[in-house]
Amino acid sequence: MTKTTIRLVEINDVKDFVNIVMKYDYDIDLISGRYAVDAKSIMGIFSLDLSRPIELTAHTDDADAFFKEIDKYIVK
């Protein structure tokens, strides 16, 4: 399991992010406060508070390629 924090500001960010996530066959969750949603669900993501950073959990030990693709959304 690998974790990071992301920020999705605009609607197009969410669409692009979901398109990237769909390429990977392992589970990826987004957690905001007490809510957790599947990162492959665009409706689930829109149910989160996008004004705040979101915790991302990738259920794999080899998420390097995925994190490289979503680098522009990772909070540094």
PDB file of N, CA and C in Angstrom:
ATOM      1  N   MET A   1       0.845  -1.170   0.000  1.00  0.00           N
ATOM      2  CA  MET A   1       0.000   0.000   0.000  1.00  0.00           C
ATOM      3  C   MET A   1       0.897   1.242   0.000  1.00  0.00           C
ATOM      4  N   THR A   2       0.571   2.193  -0.852  1.00  0.00           N
ATOM      5  CA  THR A   2       1.341   3.421  -0.983  1.00  0.00           C
ATOM      6  C   THR A   2       0.388   4.601  -0.862  1.00  0.00           C
ATOM      7  N   LYS A   3       0.803   5.638  -0.124  1.00  0.00           N
ATOM      8  CA  LYS A   3      -0.063   6.796   0.098  1.00  0.00           C
ATOM      9  C   LYS A   3       0.614   8.088  -0.329  1.00  0.00           C
ATOM     10  N   THR A   4      -0.220   9.059  -0.714  1.00  0.00           N
ATOM     11  CA  THR A   4       0.226  10.414  -0.997  1.00  0.00           C
ATOM     12  C   THR A   4      -0.981  11.330  -0.845  1.00  0.00           C
ATOM     13  N   THR A   5      -0.772  12.612  -1.013  1.00  0.00           N
ATOM     14  CA  THR A   5      -1.855  13.589  -0.944  1.00  0.00           C
ATOM     15  C   THR A   5      -1.944  14.298  -2.287  1.00  0.00           C
ATOM     16  N   ILE A   6      -3.172  14.449  -2.786  1.00  0.00           N
ATOM     17  CA  ILE A   6      -3.385  15.110  -4.078  1.00  0.00           C
ATOM     18  C   ILE A   6      -4.348  16.275  -3.926  1.00  0.00           C
ATOM     19  N   ARG A   7      -4.384  17.095  -4.968  1.00  0.00           N
ATOM     20  CA  ARG A   7      -5.350  18.190  -5.020  1.00  0.00           C
ATOM     21  C   ARG A   7      -5.906  18.254  -6.436  1.00  0.00           C
ATOM     22  N   LEU A   8      -7.237  18.234  -6.542  1.00  0.00           N
ATOM     23  CA  LEU A   8      -7.940  18.341  -7.820  1.00  0.00           C
ATOM     24  C   LEU A   8      -8.745  19.631  -7.769  1.00  0.00           C
ATOM     25  N   VAL A   9      -8.357  20.610  -8.582  1.00  0.00           N
ATOM     26  CA  VAL A   9      -8.938  21.952  -8.483  1.00  0.00           C
ATOM     27  C   VAL A   9     -10.120  22.152  -9.432  1.00  0.00           C
ATOM     28  N   GLU A  10      -9.961  21.737 -10.680  1.00  0.00           N
ATOM     29  CA  GLU A  10     -10.981  22.002 -11.698  1.00  0.00           C
ATOM     30  C   GLU A  10     -11.654  20.707 -12.156  1.00  0.00           C
ATOM     31  N   ILE A  11     -12.780  20.855 -12.831  1.00  0.00           N
ATOM     32  CA  ILE A  11     -13.508  19.702 -13.368  1.00  0.00           C
ATOM     33  C   ILE A  11     -12.628  18.910 -14.317  1.00  0.00           C
ATOM     34  N   ASN A  12     -11.867  19.602 -15.155  1.00  0.00           N
ATOM     35  CA  ASN A  12     -10.985  18.908 -16.096  1.00  0.00           C
ATOM     36  C   ASN A  12      -9.884  18.134 -15.389  1.00  0.00           C
ATOM     37  N   ASP A  13      -9.449  18.623 -14.209  1.00  0.00           N
ATOM     38  CA  ASP A  13      -8.471  17.873 -13.413  1.00  0.00           C
ATOM     39  C   ASP A  13      -9.054  16.521 -13.004  1.00  0.00           C
ATOM     40  N   VAL A  14     -10.303  16.521 -12.575  1.00  0.00           N
ATOM     41  CA  VAL A  14     -10.963  15.283 -12.143  1.00  0.00           C
ATOM     42  C   VAL A  14     -11.088  14.324 -13.322  1.00  0.00           C
ATOM     43  N   LYS A  15     -11.522  14.820 -14.471  1.00  0.00           N
ATOM     44  CA  LYS A  15     -11.663  13.965 -15.662  1.00  0.00           C
ATOM     45  C   LYS A  15     -10.328  13.357 -16.063  1.00  0.00           C
ATOM     46  N   ASP A  16      -9.287  14.173 -16.118  1.00  0.00           N
ATOM     47  CA  ASP A  16      -7.957  13.694 -16.490  1.00  0.00           C
ATOM     48  C   ASP A  16      -7.441  12.678 -15.464  1.00  0.00           C
ATOM     49  N   PHE A  17      -7.631  12.981 -14.185  1.00  0.00           N
ATOM     50  CA  PHE A  17      -7.187  12.087 -13.123  1.00  0.00           C
ATOM     51  C   PHE A  17      -7.868  10.720 -13.237  1.00  0.00           C
ATOM     52  N   VAL A  18      -9.169  10.696 -13.439  1.00  0.00           N
ATOM     53  CA  VAL A  18      -9.907   9.424 -13.559  1.00  0.00           C
ATOM     54  C   VAL A  18      -9.426   8.650 -14.780  1.00  0.00           C
ATOM     55  N   ASN A  19      -9.165   9.327 -15.894  1.00  0.00           N
ATOM     56  CA  ASN A  19      -8.647   8.642 -17.083  1.00  0.00           C
ATOM     57  C   ASN A  19      -7.298   7.981 -16.804  1.00  0.00           C
ATOM     58  N   ILE A  20      -6.467   8.628 -16.008  1.00  0.00           N
ATOM     59  CA  ILE A  20      -5.172   8.041 -15.642  1.00  0.00           C
ATOM     60  C   ILE A  20      -5.385   6.836 -14.721  1.00  0.00           C
ATOM     61  N   VAL A  21      -6.217   7.004 -13.708  1.00  0.00           N
ATOM     62  CA  VAL A  21      -6.460   5.937 -12.725  1.00  0.00           C
ATOM     63  C   VAL A  21      -7.016   4.680 -13.395  1.00  0.00           C
ATOM     64  N   MET A  22      -7.866   4.858 -14.398  1.00  0.00           N
ATOM     65  CA  MET A  22      -8.504   3.711 -15.061  1.00  0.00           C
ATOM     66  C   MET A  22      -7.493   2.794 -15.750  1.00  0.00           C
ATOM     67  N   LYS A  23      -6.288   3.277 -16.031  1.00  0.00           N
ATOM     68  CA  LYS A  23      -5.252   2.469 -16.689  1.00  0.00           C
ATOM     69  C   LYS A  23      -4.668   1.405 -15.766  1.00  0.00           C
ATOM     70  N   TYR A  24      -4.844   1.569 -14.473  1.00  0.00           N
ATOM     71  CA  TYR A  24      -4.199   0.677 -13.505  1.00  0.00           C
ATOM     72  C   TYR A  24      -5.209  -0.298 -12.922  1.00  0.00           C
ATOM     73  N   ASP A  25      -4.802  -1.575 -12.809  1.00  0.00           N
ATOM     74  CA  ASP A  25      -5.754  -2.608 -12.406  1.00  0.00           C
ATOM     75  C   ASP A  25      -5.836  -2.820 -10.893  1.00  0.00           C
ATOM     76  N   TYR A  26      -5.036  -2.113 -10.111  1.00  0.00           N
ATOM     77  CA  TYR A  26      -5.152  -2.249  -8.662  1.00  0.00           C
ATOM     78  C   TYR A  26      -6.102  -1.186  -8.115  1.00  0.00           C
ATOM     79  N   ASP A  27      -6.565  -1.412  -6.882  1.00  0.00           N
ATOM     80  CA  ASP A  27      -7.505  -0.485  -6.253  1.00  0.00           C
ATOM     81  C   ASP A  27      -6.798   0.783  -5.813  1.00  0.00           C
ATOM     82  N   ILE A  28      -7.473   1.905  -6.023  1.00  0.00           N
ATOM     83  CA  ILE A  28      -6.966   3.205  -5.596  1.00  0.00           C
ATOM     84  C   ILE A  28      -8.134   3.921  -4.915  1.00  0.00           C
ATOM     85  N   ASP A  29      -7.911   4.330  -3.676  1.00  0.00           N
ATOM     86  CA  ASP A  29      -8.955   4.993  -2.894  1.00  0.00           C
ATOM     87  C   ASP A  29      -8.583   6.438  -2.636  1.00  0.00           C
ATOM     88  N   LEU A  30      -9.604   7.280  -2.522  1.00  0.00           N
ATOM     89  CA  LEU A  30      -9.424   8.675  -2.134  1.00  0.00           C
ATOM     90  C   LEU A  30     -10.167   8.884  -0.822  1.00  0.00           C
ATOM     91  N   ILE A  31      -9.504   9.547   0.132  1.00  0.00           N
ATOM     92  CA  ILE A  31     -10.090   9.751   1.450  1.00  0.00           C
ATOM     93  C   ILE A  31     -10.083  11.240   1.763  1.00  0.00           C
ATOM     94  N   SER A  32     -11.252  11.751   2.102  1.00  0.00           N
ATOM     95  CA  SER A  32     -11.401  13.153   2.482  1.00  0.00           C
ATOM     96  C   SER A  32     -12.259  13.187   3.740  1.00  0.00           C
ATOM     97  N   GLY A  33     -11.630  13.544   4.861  1.00  0.00           N
ATOM     98  CA  GLY A  33     -12.361  13.522   6.128  1.00  0.00           C
ATOM     99  C   GLY A  33     -12.724  12.093   6.470  1.00  0.00           C
ATOM    100  N   ARG A  34     -13.997  11.828   6.692  1.00  0.00           N
ATOM    101  CA  ARG A  34     -14.429  10.474   7.030  1.00  0.00           C
ATOM    102  C   ARG A  34     -14.974   9.697   5.827  1.00  0.00           C
ATOM    103  N   TYR A  35     -14.875  10.288   4.651  1.00  0.00           N
ATOM    104  CA  TYR A  35     -15.382   9.650   3.437  1.00  0.00           C
ATOM    105  C   TYR A  35     -14.260   9.041   2.614  1.00  0.00           C
ATOM    106  N   ALA A  36     -14.484   7.833   2.111  1.00  0.00           N
ATOM    107  CA  ALA A  36     -13.533   7.161   1.226  1.00  0.00           C
ATOM    108  C   ALA A  36     -14.291   6.733  -0.025  1.00  0.00           C
ATOM    109  N   VAL A  37     -13.702   7.015  -1.196  1.00  0.00           N
ATOM    110  CA  VAL A  37     -14.345   6.644  -2.454  1.00  0.00           C
ATOM    111  C   VAL A  37     -13.322   5.971  -3.364  1.00  0.00           C
ATOM    112  N   ASP A  38     -13.831   5.218  -4.321  1.00  0.00           N
ATOM    113  CA  ASP A  38     -12.998   4.588  -5.348  1.00  0.00           C
ATOM    114  C   ASP A  38     -12.522   5.686  -6.296  1.00  0.00           C
ATOM    115  N   ALA A  39     -11.213   5.768  -6.518  1.00  0.00           N
ATOM    116  CA  ALA A  39     -10.661   6.815  -7.380  1.00  0.00           C
ATOM    117  C   ALA A  39     -11.059   6.640  -8.843  1.00  0.00           C
ATOM    118  N   LYS A  40     -11.624   5.499  -9.196  1.00  0.00           N
ATOM    119  CA  LYS A  40     -12.075   5.267 -10.572  1.00  0.00           C
ATOM    120  C   LYS A  40     -13.509   5.753 -10.789  1.00  0.00           C
ATOM    121  N   SER A  41     -14.132   6.267  -9.732  1.00  0.00           N
ATOM    122  CA  SER A  41     -15.510   6.742  -9.799  1.00  0.00           C
ATOM    123  C   SER A  41     -15.545   8.265  -9.862  1.00  0.00           C
ATOM    124  N   ILE A  42     -15.875   8.793 -11.024  1.00  0.00           N
ATOM    125  CA  ILE A  42     -15.927  10.250 -11.178  1.00  0.00           C
ATOM    126  C   ILE A  42     -17.005  10.853 -10.275  1.00  0.00           C
ATOM    127  N   MET A  43     -18.121  10.165 -10.133  1.00  0.00           N
ATOM    128  CA  MET A  43     -19.192  10.660  -9.249  1.00  0.00           C
ATOM    129  C   MET A  43     -18.744  10.618  -7.796  1.00  0.00           C
ATOM    130  N   GLY A  44     -18.007   9.586  -7.431  1.00  0.00           N
ATOM    131  CA  GLY A  44     -17.486   9.488  -6.071  1.00  0.00           C
ATOM    132  C   GLY A  44     -16.548  10.637  -5.757  1.00  0.00           C
ATOM    133  N   ILE A  45     -15.680  10.973  -6.698  1.00  0.00           N
ATOM    134  CA  ILE A  45     -14.736  12.067  -6.489  1.00  0.00           C
ATOM    135  C   ILE A  45     -15.480  13.390  -6.324  1.00  0.00           C
ATOM    136  N   PHE A  46     -16.514  13.611  -7.126  1.00  0.00           N
ATOM    137  CA  PHE A  46     -17.265  14.857  -7.017  1.00  0.00           C
ATOM    138  C   PHE A  46     -18.055  14.945  -5.711  1.00  0.00           C
ATOM    139  N   SER A  47     -18.224  13.824  -5.006  1.00  0.00           N
ATOM    140  CA  SER A  47     -18.918  13.863  -3.716  1.00  0.00           C
ATOM    141  C   SER A  47     -17.983  14.302  -2.589  1.00  0.00           C
ATOM    142  N   LEU A  48     -16.673  14.392  -2.880  1.00  0.00           N
ATOM    143  CA  LEU A  48     -15.701  14.808  -1.873  1.00  0.00           C
ATOM    144  C   LEU A  48     -15.561  16.329  -1.846  1.00  0.00           C
ATOM    145  N   ASP A  49     -14.989  16.833  -0.770  1.00  0.00           N
ATOM    146  CA  ASP A  49     -14.697  18.266  -0.651  1.00  0.00           C
ATOM    147  C   ASP A  49     -13.411  18.545  -1.423  1.00  0.00           C
ATOM    148  N   LEU A  50     -13.530  19.010  -2.660  1.00  0.00           N
ATOM    149  CA  LEU A  50     -12.368  19.231  -3.522  1.00  0.00           C
ATOM    150  C   LEU A  50     -11.622  20.524  -3.204  1.00  0.00           C
ATOM    151  N   SER A  51     -12.116  21.295  -2.260  1.00  0.00           N
ATOM    152  CA  SER A  51     -11.420  22.518  -1.876  1.00  0.00           C
ATOM    153  C   SER A  51     -10.248  22.215  -0.934  1.00  0.00           C
ATOM    154  N   ARG A  52     -10.154  20.982  -0.485  1.00  0.00           N
ATOM    155  CA  ARG A  52      -9.091  20.570   0.425  1.00  0.00           C
ATOM    156  C   ARG A  52      -8.266  19.459  -0.220  1.00  0.00           C
ATOM    157  N   PRO A  53      -7.016  19.294   0.235  1.00  0.00           N
ATOM    158  CA  PRO A  53      -6.212  18.164  -0.264  1.00  0.00           C
ATOM    159  C   PRO A  53      -6.876  16.832   0.089  1.00  0.00           C
ATOM    160  N   ILE A  54      -6.664  15.833  -0.762  1.00  0.00           N
ATOM    161  CA  ILE A  54      -7.291  14.517  -0.614  1.00  0.00           C
ATOM    162  C   ILE A  54      -6.194  13.474  -0.448  1.00  0.00           C
ATOM    163  N   GLU A  55      -6.393  12.577   0.508  1.00  0.00           N
ATOM    164  CA  GLU A  55      -5.431  11.493   0.708  1.00  0.00           C
ATOM    165  C   GLU A  55      -5.698  10.387  -0.308  1.00  0.00           C
ATOM    166  N   LEU A  56      -4.655   9.935  -0.976  1.00  0.00           N
ATOM    167  CA  LEU A  56      -4.762   8.873  -1.976  1.00  0.00           C
ATOM    168  C   LEU A  56      -4.033   7.635  -1.455  1.00  0.00           C
ATOM    169  N   THR A  57      -4.688   6.480  -1.547  1.00  0.00           N
ATOM    170  CA  THR A  57      -4.069   5.212  -1.179  1.00  0.00           C
ATOM    171  C   THR A  57      -4.125   4.282  -2.377  1.00  0.00           C
ATOM    172  N   ALA A  58      -2.954   3.861  -2.846  1.00  0.00           N
ATOM    173  CA  ALA A  58      -2.861   2.893  -3.951  1.00  0.00           C
ATOM    174  C   ALA A  58      -2.538   1.539  -3.324  1.00  0.00           C
ATOM    175  N   HIS A  59      -3.380   0.549  -3.572  1.00  0.00           N
ATOM    176  CA  HIS A  59      -3.223  -0.776  -2.970  1.00  0.00           C
ATOM    177  C   HIS A  59      -2.258  -1.629  -3.792  1.00  0.00           C
ATOM    178  N   THR A  60      -1.010  -1.183  -3.817  1.00  0.00           N
ATOM    179  CA  THR A  60       0.062  -1.887  -4.509  1.00  0.00           C
ATOM    180  C   THR A  60       1.389  -1.410  -3.925  1.00  0.00           C
ATOM    181  N   ASP A  61       2.409  -2.207  -4.080  1.00  0.00           N
ATOM    182  CA  ASP A  61       3.740  -1.792  -3.643  1.00  0.00           C
ATOM    183  C   ASP A  61       4.542  -1.202  -4.795  1.00  0.00           C
ATOM    184  N   ASP A  62       3.983  -1.265  -6.008  1.00  0.00           N
ATOM    185  CA  ASP A  62       4.676  -0.781  -7.193  1.00  0.00           C
ATOM    186  C   ASP A  62       3.853   0.310  -7.887  1.00  0.00           C
ATOM    187  N   ALA A  63       3.773   1.474  -7.240  1.00  0.00           N
ATOM    188  CA  ALA A  63       2.956   2.566  -7.772  1.00  0.00           C
ATOM    189  C   ALA A  63       3.798   3.656  -8.424  1.00  0.00           C
ATOM    190  N   ASP A  64       5.072   3.380  -8.685  1.00  0.00           N
ATOM    191  CA  ASP A  64       5.968   4.405  -9.234  1.00  0.00           C
ATOM    192  C   ASP A  64       5.469   4.988 -10.553  1.00  0.00           C
ATOM    193  N   ALA A  65       5.067   4.141 -11.483  1.00  0.00           N
ATOM    194  CA  ALA A  65       4.588   4.626 -12.790  1.00  0.00           C
ATOM    195  C   ALA A  65       3.315   5.451 -12.616  1.00  0.00           C
ATOM    196  N   PHE A  66       2.425   4.997 -11.747  1.00  0.00           N
ATOM    197  CA  PHE A  66       1.178   5.716 -11.486  1.00  0.00           C
ATOM    198  C   PHE A  66       1.474   7.092 -10.882  1.00  0.00           C
ATOM    199  N   PHE A  67       2.337   7.142  -9.865  1.00  0.00           N
ATOM    200  CA  PHE A  67       2.657   8.411  -9.224  1.00  0.00           C
ATOM    201  C   PHE A  67       3.356   9.367 -10.188  1.00  0.00           C
ATOM    202  N   LYS A  68       4.122   8.830 -11.104  1.00  0.00           N
ATOM    203  CA  LYS A  68       4.779   9.676 -12.111  1.00  0.00           C
ATOM    204  C   LYS A  68       3.735  10.319 -13.027  1.00  0.00           C
ATOM    205  N   GLU A  69       2.696   9.555 -13.374  1.00  0.00           N
ATOM    206  CA  GLU A  69       1.640  10.081 -14.248  1.00  0.00           C
ATOM    207  C   GLU A  69       0.778  11.141 -13.559  1.00  0.00           C
ATOM    208  N   ILE A  70       0.587  11.003 -12.251  1.00  0.00           N
ATOM    209  CA  ILE A  70      -0.278  11.959 -11.530  1.00  0.00           C
ATOM    210  C   ILE A  70       0.535  13.030 -10.797  1.00  0.00           C
ATOM    211  N   ASP A  71       1.803  13.152 -11.134  1.00  0.00           N
ATOM    212  CA  ASP A  71       2.699  14.075 -10.428  1.00  0.00           C
ATOM    213  C   ASP A  71       2.143  15.497 -10.325  1.00  0.00           C
ATOM    214  N   LYS A  72       1.465  15.969 -11.370  1.00  0.00           N
ATOM    215  CA  LYS A  72       0.955  17.346 -11.336  1.00  0.00           C
ATOM    216  C   LYS A  72      -0.162  17.551 -10.313  1.00  0.00           C
ATOM    217  N   TYR A  73      -0.754  16.459  -9.823  1.00  0.00           N
ATOM    218  CA  TYR A  73      -1.823  16.564  -8.808  1.00  0.00           C
ATOM    219  C   TYR A  73      -1.314  16.319  -7.395  1.00  0.00           C
ATOM    220  N   ILE A  74      -0.088  15.829  -7.251  1.00  0.00           N
ATOM    221  CA  ILE A  74       0.446  15.521  -5.919  1.00  0.00           C
ATOM    222  C   ILE A  74       0.848  16.806  -5.209  1.00  0.00           C
ATOM    223  N   VAL A  75       0.403  16.929  -3.960  1.00  0.00           N
ATOM    224  CA  VAL A  75       0.750  18.089  -3.125  1.00  0.00           C
ATOM    225  C   VAL A  75       2.160  17.879  -2.608  1.00  0.00           C
ATOM    226  N   LYS A  76       3.012  18.846  -2.864  1.00  0.00           N
ATOM    227  CA  LYS A  76       4.422  18.719  -2.453  1.00  0.00           C
ATOM    228  C   LYS A  76       4.738  19.645  -1.309  1.00  0.00           C
TER     229      LYS A  76
END
